[in-house]
Amino acid sequence: MSTMPVSPAPAAPVSAPTPLVVSAAKAKLWLGGTVLFGMLAYYFVGVDQGAFSVFGGDMHLHEFVHDARHLLGYPCH
């Protein structure tokens, strides 16, 4: 049995990655949505105590984020 030399496969052309181009209006929309989401998360985890909640005296939301409050160091009870 004879062995024939194997030539390497030709290299595929490498293209440079193109940056993501976002318009200023779309960037403002994403930034506004992110800030709103962050503020809501901060309210529900850090501020909402149940007694003066936007949902009245319902404690379901408070109990849902209860462990996160302790993990982040918020006083709870």
N, C-alpha and C. Protein backbone atom coordinates (compact mmCIF):
# COMPACT_ATOMS: atom_id res chain seq x y z
N MET A 1 0.83 -1.16 0.00
CA MET A 1 0.00 0.00 0.00
C MET A 1 0.89 1.23 0.00
N SER A 2 0.59 2.14 -0.86
CA SER A 2 1.40 3.36 -0.93
C SER A 2 0.65 4.50 -0.26
N THR A 3 1.40 5.37 0.34
CA THR A 3 0.80 6.53 0.98
C THR A 3 1.02 7.74 0.11
N MET A 4 -0.04 8.47 -0.08
CA MET A 4 0.06 9.68 -0.89
C MET A 4 0.00 10.88 0.05
N PRO A 5 0.80 11.87 -0.19
CA PRO A 5 0.74 13.07 0.66
C PRO A 5 -0.60 13.78 0.48
N VAL A 6 -1.13 14.22 1.59
CA VAL A 6 -2.42 14.91 1.58
C VAL A 6 -2.14 16.40 1.70
N SER A 7 -2.66 17.14 0.77
CA SER A 7 -2.46 18.59 0.83
C SER A 7 -3.55 19.20 1.71
N PRO A 8 -3.21 20.22 2.47
CA PRO A 8 -4.23 20.83 3.33
C PRO A 8 -5.31 21.52 2.51
N ALA A 9 -6.50 21.55 3.07
CA ALA A 9 -7.62 22.19 2.39
C ALA A 9 -7.36 23.70 2.33
N PRO A 10 -7.80 24.32 1.27
CA PRO A 10 -7.58 25.77 1.18
C PRO A 10 -8.32 26.49 2.30
N ALA A 11 -7.70 27.49 2.86
CA ALA A 11 -8.29 28.25 3.96
C ALA A 11 -9.44 29.11 3.45
N ALA A 12 -10.50 29.14 4.22
CA ALA A 12 -11.64 29.97 3.86
C ALA A 12 -11.30 31.43 4.13
N PRO A 13 -11.80 32.31 3.32
CA PRO A 13 -11.52 33.73 3.56
C PRO A 13 -12.12 34.18 4.90
N VAL A 14 -11.37 34.94 5.63
CA VAL A 14 -11.81 35.41 6.94
C VAL A 14 -12.35 36.83 6.78
N SER A 15 -13.57 37.02 7.20
CA SER A 15 -14.14 38.37 7.13
C SER A 15 -14.18 38.97 8.52
N ALA A 16 -13.98 40.25 8.58
CA ALA A 16 -14.00 40.96 9.87
C ALA A 16 -15.44 41.10 10.33
N PRO A 17 -15.68 40.93 11.63
CA PRO A 17 -17.06 41.10 12.13
C PRO A 17 -17.49 42.56 12.00
N THR A 18 -18.73 42.73 11.61
CA THR A 18 -19.25 44.08 11.47
C THR A 18 -19.93 44.50 12.76
N PRO A 19 -19.74 45.73 13.20
CA PRO A 19 -20.38 46.18 14.43
C PRO A 19 -21.88 46.34 14.25
N LEU A 20 -22.60 46.20 15.34
CA LEU A 20 -24.04 46.38 15.33
C LEU A 20 -24.33 47.88 15.26
N VAL A 21 -25.05 48.28 14.25
CA VAL A 21 -25.38 49.70 14.07
C VAL A 21 -26.83 49.91 14.50
N VAL A 22 -27.02 50.77 15.49
CA VAL A 22 -28.35 51.06 16.02
C VAL A 22 -28.58 52.56 15.90
N SER A 23 -29.77 52.92 15.46
CA SER A 23 -30.08 54.34 15.34
C SER A 23 -30.22 54.97 16.72
N ALA A 24 -30.08 56.27 16.78
CA ALA A 24 -30.17 56.99 18.06
C ALA A 24 -31.56 56.83 18.68
N ALA A 25 -32.60 56.85 17.85
CA ALA A 25 -33.96 56.70 18.38
C ALA A 25 -34.16 55.32 19.00
N LYS A 26 -33.65 54.29 18.33
CA LYS A 26 -33.79 52.94 18.86
C LYS A 26 -32.95 52.77 20.13
N ALA A 27 -31.78 53.38 20.16
CA ALA A 27 -30.93 53.31 21.36
C ALA A 27 -31.62 53.98 22.54
N LYS A 28 -32.26 55.13 22.31
CA LYS A 28 -32.99 55.81 23.38
C LYS A 28 -34.15 54.96 23.88
N LEU A 29 -34.82 54.29 22.97
CA LEU A 29 -35.94 53.43 23.36
C LEU A 29 -35.45 52.27 24.22
N TRP A 30 -34.36 51.61 23.83
CA TRP A 30 -33.79 50.52 24.62
C TRP A 30 -33.30 51.02 25.96
N LEU A 31 -32.66 52.17 25.99
CA LEU A 31 -32.16 52.72 27.25
C LEU A 31 -33.32 53.05 28.19
N GLY A 32 -34.36 53.66 27.66
CA GLY A 32 -35.53 53.99 28.47
C GLY A 32 -36.20 52.75 29.03
N GLY A 33 -36.34 51.70 28.21
CA GLY A 33 -36.94 50.46 28.67
C GLY A 33 -36.10 49.78 29.74
N THR A 34 -34.79 49.83 29.57
CA THR A 34 -33.89 49.22 30.54
C THR A 34 -33.95 49.96 31.87
N VAL A 35 -33.97 51.29 31.82
CA VAL A 35 -34.06 52.09 33.05
C VAL A 35 -35.39 51.84 33.75
N LEU A 36 -36.48 51.79 33.00
CA LEU A 36 -37.80 51.52 33.58
C LEU A 36 -37.83 50.14 34.24
N PHE A 37 -37.28 49.14 33.56
CA PHE A 37 -37.24 47.79 34.13
C PHE A 37 -36.40 47.77 35.41
N GLY A 38 -35.27 48.46 35.40
CA GLY A 38 -34.42 48.52 36.58
C GLY A 38 -35.10 49.20 37.74
N MET A 39 -35.82 50.29 37.46
CA MET A 39 -36.53 50.99 38.54
C MET A 39 -37.66 50.14 39.11
N LEU A 40 -38.36 49.42 38.25
CA LEU A 40 -39.42 48.53 38.74
C LEU A 40 -38.84 47.40 39.58
N ALA A 41 -37.73 46.82 39.12
CA ALA A 41 -37.09 45.76 39.89
C ALA A 41 -36.61 46.29 41.24
N TYR A 42 -36.04 47.49 41.25
CA TYR A 42 -35.59 48.09 42.51
C TYR A 42 -36.77 48.32 43.45
N TYR A 43 -37.89 48.81 42.92
CA TYR A 43 -39.06 49.05 43.76
C TYR A 43 -39.57 47.74 44.36
N PHE A 44 -39.76 46.74 43.53
CA PHE A 44 -40.36 45.50 44.01
C PHE A 44 -39.45 44.74 44.97
N VAL A 45 -38.14 44.80 44.75
CA VAL A 45 -37.22 44.08 45.64
C VAL A 45 -36.84 44.93 46.84
N GLY A 46 -36.61 46.22 46.65
CA GLY A 46 -36.05 47.02 47.71
C GLY A 46 -36.98 47.91 48.48
N VAL A 47 -38.11 48.30 47.91
CA VAL A 47 -38.95 49.30 48.56
C VAL A 47 -40.29 48.72 49.01
N ASP A 48 -40.90 47.90 48.18
CA ASP A 48 -42.25 47.40 48.46
C ASP A 48 -42.25 46.53 49.70
N GLN A 49 -42.90 47.00 50.75
CA GLN A 49 -42.97 46.25 52.01
C GLN A 49 -44.31 45.54 52.21
N GLY A 50 -45.23 45.73 51.31
CA GLY A 50 -46.52 45.08 51.46
C GLY A 50 -47.56 45.97 52.09
N ALA A 51 -47.23 46.68 53.17
CA ALA A 51 -48.21 47.52 53.87
C ALA A 51 -48.58 48.74 53.04
N PHE A 52 -47.61 49.37 52.41
CA PHE A 52 -47.86 50.56 51.58
C PHE A 52 -47.61 50.24 50.11
N SER A 53 -47.95 49.05 49.73
CA SER A 53 -47.71 48.57 48.38
C SER A 53 -48.68 49.21 47.40
N VAL A 54 -48.28 49.26 46.13
CA VAL A 54 -49.19 49.74 45.09
C VAL A 54 -50.33 48.74 44.90
N PHE A 55 -50.17 47.54 45.42
CA PHE A 55 -51.21 46.52 45.29
C PHE A 55 -52.04 46.39 46.56
N GLY A 56 -51.96 47.35 47.46
CA GLY A 56 -52.74 47.30 48.68
C GLY A 56 -52.08 46.42 49.72
N GLY A 57 -52.87 45.71 50.48
CA GLY A 57 -52.36 44.88 51.56
C GLY A 57 -51.95 43.48 51.12
N ASP A 58 -51.90 43.21 49.83
CA ASP A 58 -51.56 41.88 49.33
C ASP A 58 -50.06 41.63 49.52
N MET A 59 -49.71 40.55 50.19
CA MET A 59 -48.32 40.26 50.51
C MET A 59 -47.68 39.24 49.56
N HIS A 60 -48.36 38.85 48.50
CA HIS A 60 -47.81 37.83 47.60
C HIS A 60 -46.51 38.30 46.95
N LEU A 61 -46.48 39.52 46.48
CA LEU A 61 -45.27 40.04 45.84
C LEU A 61 -44.13 40.16 46.84
N HIS A 62 -44.43 40.62 48.02
CA HIS A 62 -43.43 40.74 49.07
C HIS A 62 -42.81 39.38 49.39
N GLU A 63 -43.64 38.38 49.53
CA GLU A 63 -43.15 37.04 49.85
C GLU A 63 -42.38 36.44 48.68
N PHE A 64 -42.74 36.81 47.45
CA PHE A 64 -42.05 36.29 46.27
C PHE A 64 -40.60 36.76 46.22
N VAL A 65 -40.34 38.01 46.60
CA VAL A 65 -38.98 38.56 46.54
C VAL A 65 -38.33 38.61 47.92
N HIS A 66 -38.90 37.93 48.89
CA HIS A 66 -38.43 37.99 50.27
C HIS A 66 -36.96 37.57 50.41
N ASP A 67 -36.58 36.45 49.83
CA ASP A 67 -35.21 35.97 49.96
C ASP A 67 -34.23 36.88 49.23
N ALA A 68 -34.65 37.45 48.12
CA ALA A 68 -33.78 38.39 47.40
C ALA A 68 -33.52 39.62 48.25
N ARG A 69 -34.50 40.04 49.02
CA ARG A 69 -34.31 41.20 49.90
C ARG A 69 -33.21 40.91 50.92
N HIS A 70 -33.25 39.75 51.52
CA HIS A 70 -32.24 39.40 52.52
C HIS A 70 -30.87 39.21 51.86
N LEU A 71 -30.85 38.61 50.68
CA LEU A 71 -29.59 38.40 49.98
C LEU A 71 -28.92 39.73 49.65
N LEU A 72 -29.70 40.74 49.30
CA LEU A 72 -29.15 42.05 48.94
C LEU A 72 -28.95 42.95 50.15
N GLY A 73 -29.34 42.51 51.33
CA GLY A 73 -29.08 43.26 52.55
C GLY A 73 -30.15 44.27 52.91
N TYR A 74 -31.33 44.19 52.31
CA TYR A 74 -32.42 45.10 52.68
C TYR A 74 -33.05 44.63 54.00
N PRO A 75 -33.33 45.55 54.90
CA PRO A 75 -34.06 45.14 56.11
C PRO A 75 -35.50 44.80 55.75
N CYS A 76 -35.99 43.78 56.32
CA CYS A 76 -37.31 43.32 55.90
C CYS A 76 -38.28 43.21 57.08
N HIS A 77 -37.85 42.62 58.16
CA HIS A 77 -38.75 42.47 59.31
C HIS A 77 -37.99 42.52 60.59
